[in-house]
Amino acid sequence: MKIRFFTFEKQTYLKFCQVVLPRNERLNLAIEDEIVEKINHMLPNLPILIQLGIHFALALLEIGSLAKYRCRFKNLGQENSHIYIYQWIHSSFPLLRDLSKILNGLVLVHFYDDPRVMQHLGYSINDHIQHVNSLPEIKS
């Protein structure tokens, strides 16, 4: 059973990306759509339990905000969405913490893998490979 994101899940994940992605004046890339599409593309290749966990996390993230804010997560304002995600990350309920780590981890892996981000950070994969190859071999 290989399931891709449903429309509401894409919208929820886009909102999640807007909250968790690092931003500053010099690095203000609007790559949330690209990241969600990359995650959606790789989703069917993950183990089924991870797939189901991601779908469950996105559904819970979307409707969980109804209890406190009386609106769905994708419709929360910027301040409330930051507070809501912070509460998930620092929840006393381990499941929420773990689900937020899964969602956040997938986002950040794809963010830091983007060539524009690598360039901004001054990281060149080719230079790194040359450096590693120039190191003396360690014998065990």
Foldseek 3Di string as FASTA:
>chain_A
DFDFDDPLLLLLLLLVLVQQPDDDPVDDDSCSNVLSVVCRVCRRVDPPVLSVLLVVLSVCQQCVCCVPPVHGLSPDDRVVNNVSLVCLCPPPDVSSVVSSCSSNVSSVVVVCVDPVNCVVVVHDPVVVVVVVVPDDDDDD
